[in-house]
Protein backbone atom coordinates (compact mmCIF):
# COMPACT_ATOMS: atom_id res chain seq x y z
CA MET A 1 14.44 1.31 -8.55
CA SER A 2 13.82 4.86 -7.80
CA ASP A 3 15.14 8.39 -9.17
CA PHE A 4 15.73 9.23 -5.62
CA PRO A 5 18.39 7.26 -3.94
CA ASP A 6 16.97 7.80 -0.72
CA HIS A 7 13.42 6.60 -1.39
CA PRO A 8 12.29 3.54 -2.46
CA ALA A 9 10.18 3.42 -5.43
CA PRO A 10 6.55 3.73 -4.69
CA GLY A 11 3.72 0.72 -5.30
CA GLY A 12 3.61 -2.71 -4.35
CA THR A 13 5.14 -3.79 -7.54
CA GLY A 14 7.85 -0.93 -7.57
CA ALA A 15 6.08 1.14 -10.09
CA ASP A 16 2.69 1.61 -9.26
CA PRO A 17 1.45 4.44 -6.89
CA PHE A 18 -2.05 3.10 -6.83
CA ASP A 19 -0.59 -0.44 -5.39
CA PRO A 20 1.11 0.39 -2.39
CA ARG A 21 3.34 -2.40 -0.87
CA ASP A 22 1.66 -4.86 1.72
CA VAL A 23 -1.85 -3.65 1.47
CA ALA A 24 -4.50 -5.82 0.23
CA PHE A 25 -7.72 -3.95 -1.24
CA ARG A 26 -11.17 -5.51 -0.30
CA PRO A 27 -13.56 -4.95 -2.87
CA VAL A 28 -16.99 -3.23 -2.74
CA SER A 29 -20.01 -5.13 -3.24
CA ASP A 30 -21.58 -6.16 -6.85
CA GLY A 31 -24.78 -4.76 -5.71
CA LEU A 32 -23.68 -1.14 -6.54
CA ILE A 33 -23.49 -2.47 -10.11
CA ARG A 34 -27.28 -3.23 -9.95
CA ALA A 35 -27.87 0.16 -8.38
CA ARG A 36 -25.74 2.32 -10.86
CA LEU A 37 -27.31 0.29 -13.90
CA VAL A 38 -30.64 0.94 -12.53
CA VAL A 39 -29.84 4.85 -12.41
CA ALA A 40 -28.61 4.84 -15.81
CA GLY A 41 -31.59 2.96 -17.26
CA ALA A 42 -34.24 5.16 -15.49
CA THR A 43 -32.06 8.26 -16.77
CA LEU A 44 -31.94 6.78 -20.50
CA LEU A 45 -35.68 5.71 -20.75
CA LEU A 46 -37.01 8.77 -21.23
CA PRO A 47 -34.86 9.96 -24.03
CA LEU A 48 -35.38 6.67 -25.56
CA VAL A 49 -38.82 6.75 -26.01
CA ALA A 50 -39.06 10.48 -26.66
CA GLY A 51 -36.42 9.59 -29.68
CA VAL A 52 -38.60 6.72 -30.84
CA VAL A 53 -41.76 8.60 -30.84
CA LEU A 54 -40.17 11.37 -32.62
CA GLY A 55 -38.58 8.95 -35.11
CA VAL A 56 -42.19 7.68 -35.80
CA VAL A 57 -43.79 10.95 -36.03
CA VAL A 58 -41.03 12.76 -38.12
CA GLY A 59 -39.17 10.05 -39.60
CA GLY A 60 -36.09 10.49 -41.62
CA TRP A 61 -32.91 11.13 -39.50
CA THR A 62 -34.50 11.70 -36.59
CA TRP A 63 -34.20 7.27 -36.01
CA LEU A 64 -30.58 8.49 -35.31
CA ALA A 65 -31.55 9.74 -31.71
CA PRO A 66 -32.98 6.40 -30.22
CA VAL A 67 -29.86 4.59 -32.10
CA ALA A 68 -27.40 7.11 -30.09
CA VAL A 69 -29.34 6.48 -26.72
CA ALA A 70 -29.25 2.85 -27.14
CA ALA A 71 -25.55 3.02 -28.07
CA LEU A 72 -24.94 4.99 -24.85
CA ALA A 73 -26.85 2.55 -22.77
CA GLY A 74 -24.88 -0.25 -24.06
CA TRP A 75 -21.68 1.42 -23.62
CA LEU A 76 -22.73 1.93 -19.84
CA VAL A 77 -23.55 -1.59 -19.21
CA TRP A 78 -20.05 -2.16 -20.32
CA LEU A 79 -18.60 0.57 -18.51
CA ILE A 80 -20.34 0.47 -14.86
CA PRO A 81 -19.53 -2.92 -13.75
CA ARG A 82 -15.65 -2.35 -14.77
CA GLN A 83 -15.77 0.93 -12.67
CA VAL A 84 -17.28 -0.70 -9.71
CA ARG A 85 -14.77 -3.44 -9.91
CA ALA A 86 -11.68 -0.91 -9.86
CA MET A 87 -13.31 0.17 -6.56
CA GLY A 88 -11.60 -1.01 -3.27
CA TYR A 89 -10.60 0.16 0.18
CA ALA A 90 -7.91 -1.22 2.75
CA GLU A 91 -7.23 -0.51 6.31
CA ALA A 92 -3.64 -0.28 7.26
CA ASP A 93 -2.05 0.50 10.48
CA ASP A 94 -2.08 4.36 10.28
CA ASP A 95 -4.81 4.71 7.19
CA LEU A 96 -7.79 4.09 5.47
CA LEU A 97 -7.10 3.87 1.68
CA ILE A 98 -9.74 4.01 -0.95
CA ARG A 99 -8.93 3.16 -4.57
CA THR A 100 -11.22 4.38 -7.50
CA GLY A 101 -10.97 4.95 -11.27
CA ILE A 102 -10.01 2.64 -14.37
CA LEU A 103 -9.07 5.65 -16.73
CA PHE A 104 -8.59 8.31 -14.36
CA ARG A 105 -7.37 6.60 -11.07
CA SER A 106 -7.38 7.98 -7.63
CA LEU A 107 -6.02 6.93 -4.50
CA THR A 108 -7.12 8.88 -0.99
CA VAL A 109 -5.30 8.06 2.15
CA VAL A 110 -7.20 9.06 5.08
CA PRO A 111 -5.26 8.96 8.47
CA TYR A 112 -7.46 7.49 11.22
CA GLY A 113 -6.39 10.58 13.77
CA ARG A 114 -7.97 13.33 11.33
CA MET A 115 -11.34 11.52 11.19
CA GLN A 116 -14.04 13.43 13.20
CA PHE A 117 -16.93 11.33 12.34
CA VAL A 118 -18.02 8.38 9.85
CA ASP A 119 -21.41 8.09 8.62
CA VAL A 120 -23.23 5.09 7.08
CA LYS A 121 -26.14 5.80 4.53
CA ALA A 122 -28.49 3.90 2.05
CA GLY A 123 -31.07 5.30 0.20
CA PRO A 124 -34.21 2.88 -0.98
CA LEU A 125 -32.53 2.03 -4.10
CA ASP A 126 -29.59 0.92 -2.10
CA ARG A 127 -31.39 -1.13 0.26
CA TRP A 128 -33.15 -2.68 -2.71
CA CYS A 129 -29.84 -3.61 -3.94
CA GLY A 130 -27.96 -4.53 -0.80
CA VAL A 131 -25.35 -1.76 -0.28
CA ALA A 132 -24.62 1.16 1.73
CA GLU A 133 -22.15 3.95 1.64
CA VAL A 134 -19.71 4.88 4.64
CA GLN A 135 -18.88 8.47 4.18
CA LEU A 136 -15.80 9.96 5.97
CA HIS A 137 -15.71 13.38 7.78
CA THR A 138 -12.27 14.59 8.35
CA ALA A 139 -10.46 17.92 9.88
CA SER A 140 -10.35 19.26 6.57
CA ALA A 141 -13.49 20.41 4.78
CA HIS A 142 -12.47 19.19 1.33
CA SER A 143 -10.61 15.71 2.31
CA ASP A 144 -14.03 13.78 3.01
CA ALA A 145 -13.91 10.55 1.39
CA LYS A 146 -16.48 7.89 0.95
CA ILE A 147 -16.75 4.30 0.29
CA GLU A 148 -19.93 3.42 -1.97
CA GLY A 149 -21.19 -0.36 -2.19
CA LEU A 150 -20.31 -2.12 0.73
CA PRO A 151 -22.77 -4.53 2.38
CA PRO A 152 -24.83 -3.21 5.32
CA ALA A 153 -23.08 -5.68 7.67
CA GLU A 154 -19.73 -4.76 6.38
CA ALA A 155 -20.55 -0.87 6.33
CA ALA A 156 -21.69 -0.94 10.48
CA ARG A 157 -18.50 -2.96 11.16
CA LEU A 158 -16.39 -0.59 9.14
CA ARG A 159 -17.94 2.20 10.78
CA ASP A 160 -17.26 0.97 14.21
CA ARG A 161 -13.65 -0.04 13.39
CA LEU A 162 -12.62 3.45 12.03
CA THR A 163 -14.53 5.19 15.03
CA ALA A 164 -12.68 3.07 17.42
CA ARG A 165 -9.19 3.69 15.48
CA GLY A 166 -10.14 7.65 14.98
CA GLU A 167 -10.65 7.92 18.65
CA ALA A 168 -7.55 5.80 19.69
CA ARG A 169 -5.17 8.04 17.09
CA LEU A 170 -6.98 11.27 18.55
CA ALA A 171 -6.49 10.17 22.31
CA GLY A 172 -2.72 9.96 21.48
CA LEU A 173 -2.43 13.55 20.38
């Protein structure tokens, strides 16, 4: 029940603003997990090797450095899949909804009529992991949104669908 008598409670269950009514979010691809783990591993490899070398050469307390890097790597292996599985998008009648986050959740709503153009991007690592990114450019410079981790075929389909919906909404203005 809402505190405001003229407005129903937000959310699909009546209380969660990140779960709108009658909206089914589609998950992103698990290939994004692999891509993010590769980036994290490549980033942590040099500090890990440097910490081990420092521990061998100097000894003493310097062994804490590679232990801390290994602990960080373990935490990222646990966290990254959870983050990616929390991501999703939904195509509503008038808007595209993009949901991200676990602890700090975000729901971005992009009206189709505000979209100016849609980009599809995929770097070498993205292509190797079988994912692409759809970048939405809107009439506002600060409201660009993106959906990471889509399979390339889904990214192309979404690009075409969003472009068509945006043109249809724009034609009605």
